[in-house]
Protein backbone atom coordinates (compact mmCIF):
# COMPACT_ATOMS: atom_id res chain seq x y z
CA MET A 1 -105.56 51.98 -147.61
CA THR A 2 -108.28 49.65 -148.77
CA ALA A 3 -110.41 52.53 -150.06
CA PHE A 4 -108.09 52.68 -153.05
CA THR A 5 -108.20 49.00 -153.92
CA LYS A 6 -110.73 46.76 -155.58
CA GLY A 7 -109.16 43.71 -154.00
CA PRO A 8 -105.86 42.55 -152.53
CA SER A 9 -104.33 41.95 -155.96
CA ASP A 10 -106.18 44.54 -158.02
CA PRO A 11 -105.28 48.09 -156.91
CA THR A 12 -106.80 50.76 -159.09
CA VAL A 13 -105.09 53.87 -160.42
CA GLN A 14 -108.32 55.53 -161.50
CA PRO A 15 -109.13 58.95 -160.00
CA VAL A 16 -110.70 58.55 -156.58
CA PRO A 17 -113.93 60.45 -155.82
CA ALA A 18 -113.45 63.35 -153.44
CA SER A 19 -115.93 61.80 -151.01
CA VAL A 20 -113.78 58.70 -150.72
CA THR A 21 -110.62 60.74 -150.26
CA GLU A 22 -112.27 62.76 -147.50
CA LYS A 23 -113.31 59.60 -145.67
CA VAL A 24 -109.78 58.20 -145.92
CA ASP A 25 -108.28 61.46 -144.68
CA ALA A 26 -110.75 61.59 -141.79
CA ALA A 27 -109.87 58.05 -140.80
CA ASP A 28 -106.12 58.68 -141.03
CA THR A 29 -105.27 59.82 -137.51
CA THR A 30 -101.52 59.32 -138.05
CA LEU A 31 -101.16 62.76 -139.64
CA SER A 32 -102.11 66.05 -138.01
CA ASN A 33 -102.76 69.02 -140.33
CA PRO A 34 -101.07 67.37 -143.33
CA LYS A 35 -100.08 69.19 -146.51
CA ARG A 36 -100.76 67.86 -149.99
CA ALA A 37 -97.70 67.29 -152.18
CA VAL A 38 -97.15 65.94 -155.68
CA ILE A 39 -94.03 63.94 -156.56
CA SER A 40 -92.91 62.69 -159.95
CA LEU A 41 -90.94 59.47 -160.37
CA GLY A 42 -88.79 58.43 -163.30
CA SER A 43 -86.36 55.63 -164.15
CA ASN A 44 -84.53 54.64 -167.33
CA LEU A 45 -81.89 52.20 -166.06
CA GLY A 46 -82.26 48.69 -164.68
CA ASN A 47 -85.67 47.22 -163.84
CA ARG A 48 -87.61 50.45 -164.27
CA LEU A 49 -91.00 49.28 -163.00
CA GLU A 50 -89.50 47.54 -159.98
CA THR A 51 -87.53 50.69 -159.17
CA LEU A 52 -90.61 52.92 -159.36
CA GLN A 53 -92.56 50.53 -157.13
CA GLY A 54 -89.67 50.49 -154.68
CA ALA A 55 -89.72 54.28 -154.58
CA VAL A 56 -93.47 54.31 -153.90
CA ASP A 57 -93.01 51.80 -151.07
CA ALA A 58 -90.05 53.71 -149.60
CA LEU A 59 -91.99 56.96 -149.59
CA GLU A 60 -94.95 55.29 -147.89
CA ASP A 61 -92.59 53.93 -145.22
CA THR A 62 -91.61 57.50 -144.30
CA PRO A 63 -92.96 58.68 -140.93
CA GLY A 64 -95.32 61.61 -141.39
CA LEU A 65 -96.12 60.72 -145.00
CA ARG A 66 -99.03 58.86 -146.56
CA ILE A 67 -99.44 58.20 -150.27
CA LYS A 68 -103.00 58.87 -151.40
CA ALA A 69 -102.86 58.03 -155.12
CA VAL A 70 -100.49 56.58 -157.73
CA SER A 71 -100.81 57.38 -161.42
CA PRO A 72 -100.70 55.06 -164.40
CA VAL A 73 -97.23 54.33 -165.79
CA TYR A 74 -96.04 56.15 -168.91
CA GLU A 75 -93.09 55.36 -171.13
CA THR A 76 -91.39 58.55 -172.26
CA GLU A 77 -88.48 59.71 -174.35
CA PRO A 78 -85.55 61.16 -172.36
CA TRP A 79 -85.67 64.91 -171.81
CA GLY A 80 -82.95 67.25 -173.10
CA VAL A 81 -80.77 64.69 -174.92
CA GLU A 82 -80.31 63.38 -178.45
CA PRO A 83 -83.06 60.92 -179.46
CA GLY A 84 -81.89 57.33 -179.10
CA SER A 85 -78.91 58.25 -176.90
CA GLN A 86 -80.55 56.85 -173.74
CA PRO A 87 -83.12 54.20 -172.88
CA SER A 88 -86.71 55.40 -172.54
CA TYR A 89 -88.10 56.30 -169.14
CA PHE A 90 -90.92 54.90 -167.11
CA ASN A 91 -92.65 57.82 -165.37
CA ALA A 92 -95.41 58.15 -162.78
CA VAL A 93 -96.79 60.70 -160.34
CA VAL A 94 -97.86 60.20 -156.74
CA ILE A 95 -100.09 62.42 -154.63
CA LEU A 96 -99.37 62.33 -150.92
CA LYS A 97 -100.25 63.97 -147.64
CA THR A 98 -97.41 64.83 -145.28
CA THR A 99 -96.58 66.67 -142.10
CA LEU A 100 -92.96 66.98 -143.17
CA PRO A 101 -91.81 70.48 -144.14
CA PRO A 102 -90.58 70.86 -147.75
CA SER A 103 -86.91 70.66 -146.72
CA SER A 104 -87.42 67.33 -144.95
CA LEU A 105 -89.48 65.98 -147.86
CA LEU A 106 -86.59 66.89 -150.17
CA GLU A 107 -84.13 65.07 -147.91
CA ARG A 108 -86.31 61.99 -148.00
CA ALA A 109 -86.69 62.16 -151.78
CA GLN A 110 -82.92 62.35 -152.18
CA ALA A 111 -82.40 59.49 -149.72
CA VAL A 112 -84.78 57.32 -151.74
CA GLU A 113 -82.86 58.18 -154.92
CA GLU A 114 -79.58 57.26 -153.26
CA ALA A 115 -81.03 53.98 -152.03
CA PHE A 116 -81.47 53.06 -155.69
CA HIS A 117 -77.90 54.13 -156.50
CA ARG A 118 -78.76 57.39 -158.23
CA VAL A 119 -75.55 59.10 -159.41
CA ARG A 120 -75.57 62.85 -160.06
CA ASP A 121 -72.66 63.18 -162.47
CA GLU A 122 -74.36 64.53 -165.57
CA ARG A 123 -77.28 66.89 -166.15
CA TRP A 124 -80.02 65.11 -168.11
CA GLY A 125 -77.99 61.91 -167.67
CA ALA A 126 -79.52 58.45 -167.49
CA ARG A 127 -80.48 57.49 -163.98
CA THR A 128 -81.87 54.60 -162.02
CA LEU A 129 -84.33 56.88 -160.22
CA ASP A 130 -85.57 60.46 -160.22
CA VAL A 131 -87.74 61.63 -157.32
CA ASP A 132 -88.82 65.24 -157.89
CA ILE A 133 -91.11 67.34 -155.73
CA VAL A 134 -93.51 68.92 -158.23
CA SER A 135 -95.57 70.94 -155.75
CA TYR A 136 -96.11 71.31 -152.01
CA ALA A 137 -99.47 72.74 -150.94
CA ASP A 138 -99.71 76.21 -152.50
CA VAL A 139 -96.10 77.11 -151.73
CA VAL A 140 -94.27 79.26 -154.27
CA SER A 141 -90.59 79.65 -153.41
CA ASP A 142 -87.39 80.45 -155.30
CA ASP A 143 -85.17 78.88 -152.64
CA PRO A 144 -82.17 77.53 -154.60
CA GLN A 145 -82.19 74.34 -152.49
CA LEU A 146 -85.80 73.59 -153.39
CA THR A 147 -87.68 75.74 -155.90
CA LEU A 148 -91.43 75.30 -155.56
CA PRO A 149 -93.26 74.40 -157.61
CA HIS A 150 -90.69 72.52 -159.72
CA PRO A 151 -89.38 75.13 -162.18
CA ARG A 152 -89.87 72.95 -165.27
CA ALA A 153 -92.99 70.98 -164.31
CA HIS A 154 -95.25 73.24 -166.38
CA GLU A 155 -93.45 72.25 -169.59
CA ARG A 156 -93.02 68.52 -168.98
CA ALA A 157 -95.74 66.33 -170.41
CA PHE A 158 -94.31 63.33 -168.54
CA VAL A 159 -95.30 65.10 -165.31
CA LEU A 160 -98.50 66.83 -166.41
CA VAL A 161 -100.13 63.85 -168.17
CA PRO A 162 -100.01 61.36 -165.26
CA TRP A 163 -100.85 64.12 -162.76
CA HIS A 164 -103.92 65.05 -164.79
CA ASP A 165 -104.91 61.36 -164.85
CA LEU A 166 -104.95 61.38 -161.05
CA ASP A 167 -106.54 64.77 -160.55
CA PRO A 168 -108.22 66.42 -163.57
CA GLU A 169 -108.85 69.54 -161.45
CA ALA A 170 -105.22 69.88 -160.31
CA ARG A 171 -103.53 73.27 -160.33
CA LEU A 172 -99.81 74.00 -160.44
CA PRO A 173 -99.19 76.89 -158.01
CA GLY A 174 -98.35 80.08 -159.86
CA ARG A 175 -99.05 78.44 -163.24
CA GLY A 176 -102.73 77.53 -163.21
CA PRO A 177 -104.76 74.43 -164.07
CA VAL A 178 -102.80 71.38 -165.19
CA ALA A 179 -105.43 70.82 -167.90
CA ASP A 180 -104.61 74.23 -169.40
CA LEU A 181 -100.86 73.62 -169.15
CA LEU A 182 -101.31 70.36 -171.06
CA ASP A 183 -102.70 72.35 -173.98
CA THR A 184 -99.37 74.17 -174.27
CA VAL A 185 -97.08 71.12 -174.45
CA THR A 186 -96.70 68.24 -176.88
CA ARG A 187 -97.58 64.74 -175.73
CA GLU A 188 -95.31 63.25 -178.38
CA GLY A 189 -93.06 60.60 -176.86
CA VAL A 190 -95.31 60.15 -173.81
CA GLU A 191 -97.08 56.78 -174.16
CA ALA A 192 -99.40 55.14 -171.64
CA ARG A 193 -98.35 51.63 -170.60
CA ALA A 194 -101.69 50.01 -169.81
CA ASP A 195 -99.88 46.70 -169.34
CA LEU A 196 -97.94 48.04 -166.36
CA GLU A 197 -99.19 49.07 -162.94
CA LEU A 198 -97.84 50.47 -159.71
CA ARG A 199 -99.45 49.26 -156.52
CA LEU A 200 -100.69 51.66 -153.89
CA PRO A 201 -99.15 50.59 -150.56
CA GLU A 202 -101.55 48.72 -148.31
């Protein structure tokens, strides 16, 4: 994926021009009729940056899936809990192309979480890794196993801010432009970490 890198040790997380993306897609013969999906990553236990990078690498290693862009890293306050009761999160968003159906993408996301010892014993609890499917193509579904788009993505700055960094023209299916959604949420507690970087897989 050299189109996304300035050099072997200097991958960029800046938005990629559509012309470049189209060339990469045209050259990628490993996927036939792929769908675009957006996934958010979060970690607030252990080595948070290392965990997020591991999740990016594990997703890229999935047959039928290619990561196209990785957002900057943000440090965010935990959602839905008392301030100071948990460590802060590192969050990022990835845009990918995949031939996997939504159900298989969900299975893979959960397998990646489990590989990093994610334990689901408490809602809003601290966790080593969150891998959430934010959107899948233009699918809108209220399937209880996988609601699409993510039912709370439109109100979460820690999803919208890095997604907007990657794709300023992005739209959340059924909700509208991400830029407009950002105007309705507070960015308080969502801080860019310019000193940290996730690498796009080679």
